[in-house]
Amino acid sequence: MTGQFVKVCRVEDILAGATRVVEIEGRTILLAKLNGEVFALQNMCTHDGGLLGDADIIDGQIECPRHGARFDIKTGEATQMPAVAELDTYEVKIEDGDVYVAVDK
């Protein structure tokens, strides 16, 4: 089920191969740009609750800066211990250079 789309930034505000944190209706969402595509994931590691805003993108994965857990940037799937639970992901659309993220009400 798709939620309501909310404009969060411009595409150029997210550097290639980098992340950016935005707040939508009280939630912090991690945006990541990889190969020109923008992805949105929860901004909290499922291993110990650490924030992912300073995470690196390595081989298409977000790496938690605290303990090295990794998550697939597209699916949120946990791909490296110590995390075993996936990250929540959010639908993204781009219109006229603006980035929109779908959130449930």
N, C-alpha and C. Protein backbone atom coordinates (compact mmCIF):
# COMPACT_ATOMS: atom_id res chain seq x y z
N MET A 1 0.84 -1.18 0.00
CA MET A 1 0.00 0.00 0.00
C MET A 1 0.88 1.24 0.00
N THR A 2 0.63 2.13 -0.90
CA THR A 2 1.40 3.36 -1.00
C THR A 2 0.80 4.42 -0.11
N GLY A 3 1.66 5.11 0.63
CA GLY A 3 1.20 6.21 1.46
C GLY A 3 1.16 7.50 0.67
N GLN A 4 1.02 8.59 1.39
CA GLN A 4 0.99 9.91 0.78
C GLN A 4 2.41 10.36 0.47
N PHE A 5 2.63 10.88 -0.74
CA PHE A 5 3.96 11.36 -1.11
C PHE A 5 4.19 12.75 -0.54
N VAL A 6 5.38 12.95 0.03
CA VAL A 6 5.77 14.23 0.62
C VAL A 6 7.07 14.67 -0.04
N LYS A 7 7.12 15.93 -0.49
CA LYS A 7 8.34 16.48 -1.08
C LYS A 7 9.37 16.68 0.02
N VAL A 8 10.61 16.15 -0.21
CA VAL A 8 11.63 16.24 0.83
C VAL A 8 12.86 17.05 0.44
N CYS A 9 13.19 17.10 -0.85
CA CYS A 9 14.37 17.86 -1.28
C CYS A 9 14.44 17.83 -2.80
N ARG A 10 15.50 18.41 -3.33
CA ARG A 10 15.80 18.34 -4.76
C ARG A 10 16.78 17.18 -4.98
N VAL A 11 16.74 16.60 -6.15
CA VAL A 11 17.64 15.48 -6.47
C VAL A 11 19.10 15.90 -6.27
N GLU A 12 19.44 17.11 -6.69
CA GLU A 12 20.84 17.55 -6.59
C GLU A 12 21.28 17.79 -5.14
N ASP A 13 20.35 17.79 -4.20
CA ASP A 13 20.70 17.94 -2.78
C ASP A 13 21.32 16.67 -2.20
N ILE A 14 21.19 15.57 -2.93
CA ILE A 14 21.76 14.29 -2.48
C ILE A 14 22.95 13.98 -3.38
N LEU A 15 24.13 13.97 -2.82
CA LEU A 15 25.33 13.71 -3.61
C LEU A 15 25.38 12.24 -4.05
N ALA A 16 25.95 12.01 -5.20
CA ALA A 16 26.09 10.64 -5.72
C ALA A 16 26.91 9.80 -4.74
N GLY A 17 26.42 8.61 -4.42
CA GLY A 17 27.13 7.72 -3.51
C GLY A 17 27.10 8.17 -2.06
N ALA A 18 26.17 9.08 -1.73
CA ALA A 18 26.12 9.62 -0.38
C ALA A 18 24.70 9.51 0.19
N THR A 19 24.58 9.87 1.46
CA THR A 19 23.29 9.83 2.14
C THR A 19 22.91 11.22 2.64
N ARG A 20 21.63 11.36 2.94
CA ARG A 20 21.10 12.60 3.50
C ARG A 20 19.92 12.20 4.38
N VAL A 21 19.78 12.84 5.52
CA VAL A 21 18.68 12.55 6.43
C VAL A 21 17.63 13.66 6.31
N VAL A 22 16.37 13.24 6.21
CA VAL A 22 15.25 14.19 6.18
C VAL A 22 14.24 13.77 7.24
N GLU A 23 13.42 14.71 7.66
CA GLU A 23 12.36 14.39 8.62
C GLU A 23 11.02 14.54 7.92
N ILE A 24 10.20 13.51 8.06
CA ILE A 24 8.86 13.52 7.49
C ILE A 24 7.88 13.12 8.58
N GLU A 25 7.03 14.05 8.96
CA GLU A 25 5.98 13.77 9.94
C GLU A 25 6.52 13.06 11.18
N GLY A 26 7.60 13.59 11.73
CA GLY A 26 8.18 13.06 12.96
C GLY A 26 9.09 11.87 12.80
N ARG A 27 9.28 11.40 11.58
CA ARG A 27 10.18 10.26 11.32
C ARG A 27 11.42 10.77 10.62
N THR A 28 12.58 10.22 11.00
CA THR A 28 13.78 10.54 10.24
C THR A 28 13.98 9.45 9.20
N ILE A 29 14.18 9.87 7.97
CA ILE A 29 14.32 8.97 6.83
C ILE A 29 15.70 9.19 6.22
N LEU A 30 16.37 8.11 5.90
CA LEU A 30 17.67 8.17 5.25
C LEU A 30 17.47 8.09 3.75
N LEU A 31 17.93 9.10 3.03
CA LEU A 31 17.93 9.08 1.57
C LEU A 31 19.32 8.70 1.11
N ALA A 32 19.40 7.91 0.08
CA ALA A 32 20.70 7.51 -0.47
C ALA A 32 20.60 7.53 -1.99
N LYS A 33 21.67 8.01 -2.63
CA LYS A 33 21.70 8.04 -4.09
C LYS A 33 22.79 7.10 -4.57
N LEU A 34 22.38 6.18 -5.45
CA LEU A 34 23.30 5.20 -6.00
C LEU A 34 23.01 5.06 -7.49
N ASN A 35 24.03 5.28 -8.31
CA ASN A 35 23.89 5.17 -9.76
C ASN A 35 22.73 6.02 -10.29
N GLY A 36 22.57 7.21 -9.72
CA GLY A 36 21.55 8.14 -10.18
C GLY A 36 20.15 7.88 -9.65
N GLU A 37 19.97 6.81 -8.88
CA GLU A 37 18.66 6.46 -8.34
C GLU A 37 18.63 6.80 -6.84
N VAL A 38 17.48 7.28 -6.37
CA VAL A 38 17.33 7.67 -4.97
C VAL A 38 16.51 6.61 -4.23
N PHE A 39 16.97 6.26 -3.03
CA PHE A 39 16.30 5.27 -2.19
C PHE A 39 16.03 5.89 -0.83
N ALA A 40 14.98 5.42 -0.16
CA ALA A 40 14.63 5.92 1.17
C ALA A 40 14.46 4.74 2.12
N LEU A 41 15.15 4.84 3.27
CA LEU A 41 15.13 3.77 4.26
C LEU A 41 15.00 4.37 5.66
N GLN A 42 14.64 3.52 6.61
CA GLN A 42 14.60 4.01 7.99
C GLN A 42 16.01 4.39 8.40
N ASN A 43 16.12 5.41 9.25
CA ASN A 43 17.42 5.94 9.66
C ASN A 43 17.86 5.35 11.00
N MET A 44 17.62 4.07 11.21
CA MET A 44 18.01 3.45 12.47
C MET A 44 18.40 2.00 12.23
N CYS A 45 19.60 1.65 12.62
CA CYS A 45 20.08 0.28 12.48
C CYS A 45 19.21 -0.66 13.31
N THR A 46 18.84 -1.78 12.71
CA THR A 46 18.00 -2.75 13.43
C THR A 46 18.78 -3.56 14.45
N HIS A 47 20.10 -3.45 14.44
CA HIS A 47 20.92 -4.19 15.40
C HIS A 47 20.87 -3.55 16.78
N ASP A 48 21.15 -2.24 16.86
CA ASP A 48 21.17 -1.61 18.19
C ASP A 48 20.58 -0.21 18.21
N GLY A 49 19.89 0.17 17.15
CA GLY A 49 19.22 1.47 17.15
C GLY A 49 20.10 2.65 16.80
N GLY A 50 21.34 2.40 16.37
CA GLY A 50 22.22 3.49 15.97
C GLY A 50 21.72 4.19 14.72
N LEU A 51 21.94 5.49 14.65
CA LEU A 51 21.52 6.27 13.49
C LEU A 51 22.44 6.00 12.31
N LEU A 52 21.88 6.05 11.11
CA LEU A 52 22.62 5.71 9.89
C LEU A 52 23.00 6.93 9.06
N GLY A 53 22.77 8.12 9.57
CA GLY A 53 23.04 9.34 8.81
C GLY A 53 24.47 9.49 8.34
N ASP A 54 25.42 8.92 9.07
CA ASP A 54 26.83 8.98 8.67
C ASP A 54 27.29 7.68 8.02
N ALA A 55 26.35 6.86 7.62
CA ALA A 55 26.69 5.55 7.03
C ALA A 55 27.37 5.71 5.68
N ASP A 56 28.22 4.76 5.38
CA ASP A 56 28.84 4.69 4.06
C ASP A 56 28.00 3.79 3.16
N ILE A 57 28.10 4.05 1.85
CA ILE A 57 27.50 3.15 0.87
C ILE A 57 28.64 2.33 0.28
N ILE A 58 28.57 1.02 0.46
CA ILE A 58 29.62 0.12 -0.01
C ILE A 58 28.96 -1.01 -0.81
N ASP A 59 29.33 -1.11 -2.07
CA ASP A 59 28.80 -2.18 -2.93
C ASP A 59 27.27 -2.28 -2.88
N GLY A 60 26.60 -1.13 -2.96
CA GLY A 60 25.14 -1.13 -2.96
C GLY A 60 24.50 -1.40 -1.62
N GLN A 61 25.29 -1.25 -0.55
CA GLN A 61 24.79 -1.50 0.80
C GLN A 61 25.08 -0.31 1.70
N ILE A 62 24.18 -0.07 2.64
CA ILE A 62 24.39 0.93 3.68
C ILE A 62 25.12 0.23 4.81
N GLU A 63 26.25 0.81 5.26
CA GLU A 63 27.00 0.20 6.37
C GLU A 63 26.86 1.05 7.62
N CYS A 64 26.33 0.45 8.67
CA CYS A 64 26.17 1.16 9.94
C CYS A 64 27.53 1.56 10.48
N PRO A 65 27.70 2.84 10.85
CA PRO A 65 29.00 3.29 11.35
C PRO A 65 29.35 2.76 12.74
N ARG A 66 28.39 2.19 13.46
CA ARG A 66 28.67 1.72 14.83
C ARG A 66 29.29 0.34 14.88
N HIS A 67 28.69 -0.63 14.22
CA HIS A 67 29.18 -2.01 14.33
C HIS A 67 29.36 -2.71 13.00
N GLY A 68 29.18 -1.98 11.88
CA GLY A 68 29.46 -2.56 10.57
C GLY A 68 28.35 -3.40 9.96
N ALA A 69 27.17 -3.41 10.58
CA ALA A 69 26.05 -4.12 9.96
C ALA A 69 25.78 -3.49 8.60
N ARG A 70 25.34 -4.30 7.65
CA ARG A 70 25.05 -3.78 6.31
C ARG A 70 23.64 -4.15 5.89
N PHE A 71 23.08 -3.25 5.04
CA PHE A 71 21.72 -3.42 4.54
C PHE A 71 21.69 -3.10 3.05
N ASP A 72 20.94 -3.90 2.30
CA ASP A 72 20.78 -3.65 0.87
C ASP A 72 20.06 -2.31 0.68
N ILE A 73 20.65 -1.44 -0.12
CA ILE A 73 20.12 -0.09 -0.29
C ILE A 73 18.75 -0.09 -0.97
N LYS A 74 18.47 -1.10 -1.78
CA LYS A 74 17.20 -1.15 -2.53
C LYS A 74 16.08 -1.82 -1.74
N THR A 75 16.42 -2.86 -0.99
CA THR A 75 15.38 -3.66 -0.32
C THR A 75 15.34 -3.49 1.19
N GLY A 76 16.43 -2.96 1.78
CA GLY A 76 16.53 -2.86 3.23
C GLY A 76 16.96 -4.15 3.91
N GLU A 77 17.14 -5.22 3.13
CA GLU A 77 17.51 -6.52 3.69
C GLU A 77 18.84 -6.44 4.43
N ALA A 78 18.90 -7.05 5.62
CA ALA A 78 20.16 -7.15 6.37
C ALA A 78 21.07 -8.12 5.63
N THR A 79 22.26 -7.66 5.26
CA THR A 79 23.18 -8.48 4.47
C THR A 79 24.45 -8.84 5.22
N GLN A 80 24.67 -8.21 6.38
CA GLN A 80 25.88 -8.52 7.15
C GLN A 80 25.57 -8.36 8.63
N MET A 81 26.03 -9.33 9.41
CA MET A 81 25.87 -9.30 10.86
C MET A 81 26.60 -8.07 11.41
N PRO A 82 26.22 -7.56 12.55
CA PRO A 82 25.36 -8.22 13.52
C PRO A 82 23.86 -8.01 13.29
N ALA A 83 23.44 -7.26 12.30
CA ALA A 83 22.00 -7.08 12.06
C ALA A 83 21.41 -8.30 11.37
N VAL A 84 20.19 -8.65 11.76
CA VAL A 84 19.47 -9.74 11.09
C VAL A 84 18.11 -9.28 10.57
N ALA A 85 17.57 -8.20 11.13
CA ALA A 85 16.28 -7.68 10.70
C ALA A 85 16.49 -6.60 9.64
N GLU A 86 15.57 -6.54 8.69
CA GLU A 86 15.70 -5.57 7.59
C GLU A 86 15.28 -4.17 8.03
N LEU A 87 15.74 -3.18 7.26
CA LEU A 87 15.31 -1.80 7.45
C LEU A 87 13.98 -1.60 6.72
N ASP A 88 13.13 -0.73 7.26
CA ASP A 88 11.94 -0.32 6.53
C ASP A 88 12.39 0.50 5.32
N THR A 89 11.71 0.33 4.21
CA THR A 89 11.99 1.12 3.01
C THR A 89 10.73 1.91 2.65
N TYR A 90 10.94 2.98 1.90
CA TYR A 90 9.84 3.85 1.50
C TYR A 90 9.91 4.07 0.00
N GLU A 91 8.74 4.16 -0.62
CA GLU A 91 8.68 4.41 -2.06
C GLU A 91 9.13 5.84 -2.35
N VAL A 92 9.90 5.99 -3.43
CA VAL A 92 10.42 7.30 -3.84
C VAL A 92 9.97 7.58 -5.26
N LYS A 93 9.62 8.83 -5.53
CA LYS A 93 9.38 9.25 -6.91
C LYS A 93 10.05 10.60 -7.12
N ILE A 94 10.47 10.83 -8.36
CA ILE A 94 11.11 12.08 -8.74
C ILE A 94 10.20 12.77 -9.76
N GLU A 95 9.88 14.03 -9.50
CA GLU A 95 9.09 14.82 -10.44
C GLU A 95 9.73 16.19 -10.58
N ASP A 96 10.10 16.55 -11.81
CA ASP A 96 10.69 17.86 -12.09
C ASP A 96 11.88 18.16 -11.18
N GLY A 97 12.68 17.14 -10.87
CA GLY A 97 13.86 17.32 -10.05
C GLY A 97 13.61 17.32 -8.55
N ASP A 98 12.34 17.20 -8.14
CA ASP A 98 12.01 17.13 -6.72
C ASP A 98 11.89 15.67 -6.29
N VAL A 99 12.37 15.38 -5.07
CA VAL A 99 12.30 14.03 -4.51
C VAL A 99 11.10 13.96 -3.57
N TYR A 100 10.25 12.96 -3.80
CA TYR A 100 9.08 12.72 -2.96
C TYR A 100 9.21 11.33 -2.34
N VAL A 101 8.85 11.23 -1.05
CA VAL A 101 8.87 9.95 -0.35
C VAL A 101 7.46 9.66 0.16
N ALA A 102 7.01 8.42 -0.03
CA ALA A 102 5.68 8.01 0.43
C ALA A 102 5.74 7.55 1.87
N VAL A 103 4.89 8.14 2.70
CA VAL A 103 4.80 7.74 4.10
C VAL A 103 3.35 7.42 4.42
N ASP A 104 3.14 6.44 5.28
CA ASP A 104 1.80 6.09 5.71
C ASP A 104 1.32 7.10 6.74
N LYS A 105 0.07 7.40 6.68
CA LYS A 105 -0.54 8.33 7.65
C LYS A 105 -0.91 7.58 8.91
